[in-house]
N, C-alpha and C. Protein backbone atom coordinates (compact mmCIF):
# COMPACT_ATOMS: atom_id res chain seq x y z
N UNK A 1 92.34 74.50 81.07
CA UNK A 1 92.23 73.06 80.94
C UNK A 1 92.64 72.57 79.91
N UNK A 2 92.21 71.55 79.98
CA UNK A 2 92.83 70.69 78.61
C UNK A 2 92.32 70.25 77.69
N UNK A 3 92.53 69.92 76.40
CA UNK A 3 91.81 69.30 75.93
C UNK A 3 90.91 68.09 76.42
N UNK A 4 89.83 68.24 76.37
CA UNK A 4 88.79 67.13 75.77
C UNK A 4 88.39 66.80 75.26
N UNK A 5 88.37 65.17 74.86
CA UNK A 5 87.50 64.05 74.00
C UNK A 5 86.39 64.52 73.87
N UNK A 6 85.47 63.81 72.79
CA UNK A 6 83.92 64.82 72.57
C UNK A 6 83.49 63.22 73.85
N UNK A 7 83.90 62.02 73.68
CA UNK A 7 83.88 61.34 74.46
C UNK A 7 84.14 61.63 76.31
N UNK A 8 84.85 62.30 76.94
CA UNK A 8 85.36 63.12 77.63
C UNK A 8 84.27 63.45 78.18
N UNK A 9 84.01 64.60 77.70
CA UNK A 9 83.09 65.59 77.63
C UNK A 9 81.31 64.96 78.14
N UNK A 10 81.28 64.09 77.22
CA UNK A 10 79.78 63.21 77.47
C UNK A 10 79.56 62.85 78.63
N UNK A 11 80.33 62.23 78.77
CA UNK A 11 80.24 60.99 80.25
C UNK A 11 80.04 62.28 81.00
N UNK A 12 81.61 63.38 81.51
CA UNK A 12 81.60 63.73 82.37
C UNK A 12 80.11 65.00 82.61
N UNK A 13 79.24 65.18 81.73
CA UNK A 13 78.30 65.89 80.99
C UNK A 13 76.91 64.60 82.00
N UNK A 14 76.92 63.42 81.30
CA UNK A 14 75.57 62.38 81.82
C UNK A 14 76.52 62.18 83.25
N UNK A 15 77.00 62.67 83.70
CA UNK A 15 77.67 62.25 85.20
C UNK A 15 77.16 62.60 86.59
N UNK A 16 76.67 63.86 85.61
CA UNK A 16 76.20 64.93 86.50
C UNK A 16 76.69 65.76 87.50
N UNK A 17 78.09 65.84 87.30
CA UNK A 17 78.94 66.15 88.20
C UNK A 17 79.13 67.93 87.67
N UNK A 18 78.76 68.16 86.49
CA UNK A 18 78.81 69.71 86.15
C UNK A 18 77.31 70.57 86.65
N UNK A 19 76.30 69.58 86.82
CA UNK A 19 75.57 70.81 87.54
C UNK A 19 75.13 71.34 88.56
N UNK A 20 75.09 72.53 88.47
CA UNK A 20 74.96 73.14 89.22
C UNK A 20 76.34 73.94 89.77
N UNK A 21 76.71 74.25 89.06
CA UNK A 21 78.58 74.64 89.09
C UNK A 21 79.08 75.80 88.49
N UNK A 22 79.87 76.70 89.23
CA UNK A 22 80.06 77.54 87.83
C UNK A 22 81.32 77.51 87.18
N UNK A 23 81.28 77.29 86.00
CA UNK A 23 82.31 76.76 84.96
C UNK A 23 82.28 75.60 84.97
N UNK A 24 81.00 74.98 85.01
CA UNK A 24 80.40 73.54 85.24
C UNK A 24 81.41 72.41 85.60
N UNK A 25 82.32 72.67 86.54
CA UNK A 25 83.06 72.00 86.97
C UNK A 25 83.93 72.20 88.63
N UNK A 26 83.91 71.40 89.45
CA UNK A 26 85.14 71.93 90.51
C UNK A 26 85.84 71.28 90.68
N UNK A 27 86.94 72.54 90.95
CA UNK A 27 88.31 71.80 91.09
C UNK A 27 88.46 70.50 91.94
N UNK A 28 88.46 70.95 93.07
CA UNK A 28 87.86 69.77 94.79
C UNK A 28 87.63 68.65 94.17
N UNK A 29 86.77 68.65 93.07
CA UNK A 29 86.44 67.41 93.10
C UNK A 29 86.91 66.29 92.27
N UNK A 30 85.77 65.97 91.10
CA UNK A 30 86.86 65.04 90.16
C UNK A 30 86.84 66.45 88.86
N UNK A 31 86.39 67.43 89.26
CA UNK A 31 86.82 68.65 87.67
C UNK A 31 88.45 68.87 87.68
N UNK A 32 89.12 68.27 88.27
CA UNK A 32 90.13 68.45 88.49
C UNK A 32 91.32 67.80 87.68
N UNK A 33 91.33 66.45 87.36
CA UNK A 33 91.08 66.32 85.89
C UNK A 33 91.28 66.55 84.30
N UNK A 34 90.84 67.62 84.70
CA UNK A 34 90.75 68.14 83.45
C UNK A 34 91.30 69.24 83.00
N UNK A 35 92.02 69.99 84.82
CA UNK A 35 92.93 71.40 84.31
C UNK A 35 94.21 70.76 84.02
N UNK A 36 94.62 71.63 83.71
CA UNK A 36 96.41 71.59 83.34
C UNK A 36 97.04 71.89 83.95
N UNK A 37 96.64 73.24 84.66
CA UNK A 37 97.64 74.34 84.80
C UNK A 37 97.10 75.59 85.83
N UNK A 38 97.24 75.26 86.85
CA UNK A 38 96.54 76.40 88.06
C UNK A 38 97.93 77.65 88.50
N UNK A 39 97.62 78.78 88.04
CA UNK A 39 98.13 79.62 88.50
C UNK A 39 97.42 80.46 90.01
N UNK A 40 98.00 81.06 91.21
CA UNK A 40 97.20 81.33 91.85
C UNK A 40 96.88 80.88 93.12
N UNK A 41 96.20 80.99 93.83
CA UNK A 41 95.35 80.24 94.83
C UNK A 41 94.56 79.36 94.67
N UNK A 42 94.51 78.30 95.00
CA UNK A 42 93.68 76.84 94.56
C UNK A 42 92.73 77.35 95.34
N UNK A 43 92.61 78.11 96.57
CA UNK A 43 91.42 78.38 97.64
C UNK A 43 90.10 79.40 97.03
N UNK A 44 90.83 79.98 95.87
CA UNK A 44 90.81 80.98 95.01
C UNK A 44 89.52 80.59 94.21
N UNK A 45 90.13 79.56 93.59
CA UNK A 45 89.09 79.02 92.51
C UNK A 45 88.26 78.15 93.20
N UNK A 46 88.20 77.55 94.20
CA UNK A 46 87.30 76.45 94.95
C UNK A 46 85.76 77.85 95.18
N UNK A 47 87.16 79.00 95.50
CA UNK A 47 85.12 79.66 95.61
C UNK A 47 85.47 80.91 97.03
N UNK A 48 86.61 80.77 97.97
CA UNK A 48 87.23 81.36 98.58
C UNK A 48 88.61 81.68 99.01
N UNK A 49 88.62 83.05 99.04
CA UNK A 49 90.08 83.42 98.88
C UNK A 49 90.39 83.51 100.34
N UNK A 50 90.78 82.54 100.92
CA UNK A 50 91.35 82.60 102.33
C UNK A 50 92.53 83.43 102.87
N UNK A 51 93.51 83.02 101.58
CA UNK A 51 94.63 84.30 102.18
C UNK A 51 94.27 85.44 102.49
N UNK A 52 93.61 86.20 100.85
CA UNK A 52 92.97 87.54 101.16
C UNK A 52 92.11 87.69 102.80
N UNK A 53 91.32 87.14 103.02
CA UNK A 53 90.02 87.17 103.80
C UNK A 53 91.76 86.71 105.07
N UNK A 54 92.67 86.50 105.46
CA UNK A 54 93.32 86.64 106.92
C UNK A 54 94.51 87.42 106.34
N UNK A 55 94.81 88.59 105.14
CA UNK A 55 95.44 89.27 105.18
C UNK A 55 93.97 90.98 105.98
N UNK A 56 92.95 91.00 105.13
CA UNK A 56 92.72 91.64 105.71
C UNK A 56 91.49 91.57 106.71
N UNK A 57 91.44 91.21 107.36
CA UNK A 57 90.43 90.47 108.62
C UNK A 57 90.55 91.14 109.86
N UNK A 58 92.08 91.28 110.25
CA UNK A 58 92.61 92.61 111.31
C UNK A 58 92.11 93.79 110.76
N UNK A 59 91.70 94.30 109.99
CA UNK A 59 91.68 96.04 109.56
C UNK A 59 90.20 95.64 109.61
N UNK A 60 89.63 94.90 108.68
CA UNK A 60 88.11 94.77 108.96
C UNK A 60 87.89 94.53 110.85
N UNK A 61 88.12 93.79 111.44
CA UNK A 61 87.85 94.22 113.63
C UNK A 61 88.36 95.66 113.88
N UNK A 62 89.37 96.07 113.00
CA UNK A 62 89.44 97.61 114.47
C UNK A 62 89.25 98.23 113.90
N UNK A 63 88.42 98.17 112.30
CA UNK A 63 87.82 99.10 112.25
C UNK A 63 85.95 99.05 112.34
N UNK A 64 85.97 98.04 112.73
CA UNK A 64 84.36 97.65 113.27
C UNK A 64 84.31 97.90 114.37
N UNK A 65 85.57 97.49 115.54
CA UNK A 65 85.50 98.00 116.65
C UNK A 65 85.47 99.72 117.16
N UNK A 66 85.73 100.50 115.87
CA UNK A 66 86.05 101.69 116.17
C UNK A 66 84.56 102.63 116.69
């Protein structure tokens, strides 16, 4: 996250966008304007590690059929 001014914080909280969010922001919505750098999977930050799911799904299906 980048450093935010007091005015930016106040406006963001007043907008209600921080309500009900883990970490008080949603990177897929307007919260991305406060993110300075992202390492790894964007989808993991959003909340669902799609790449890992795709990797593990075949094994899970194989084990389920046994």
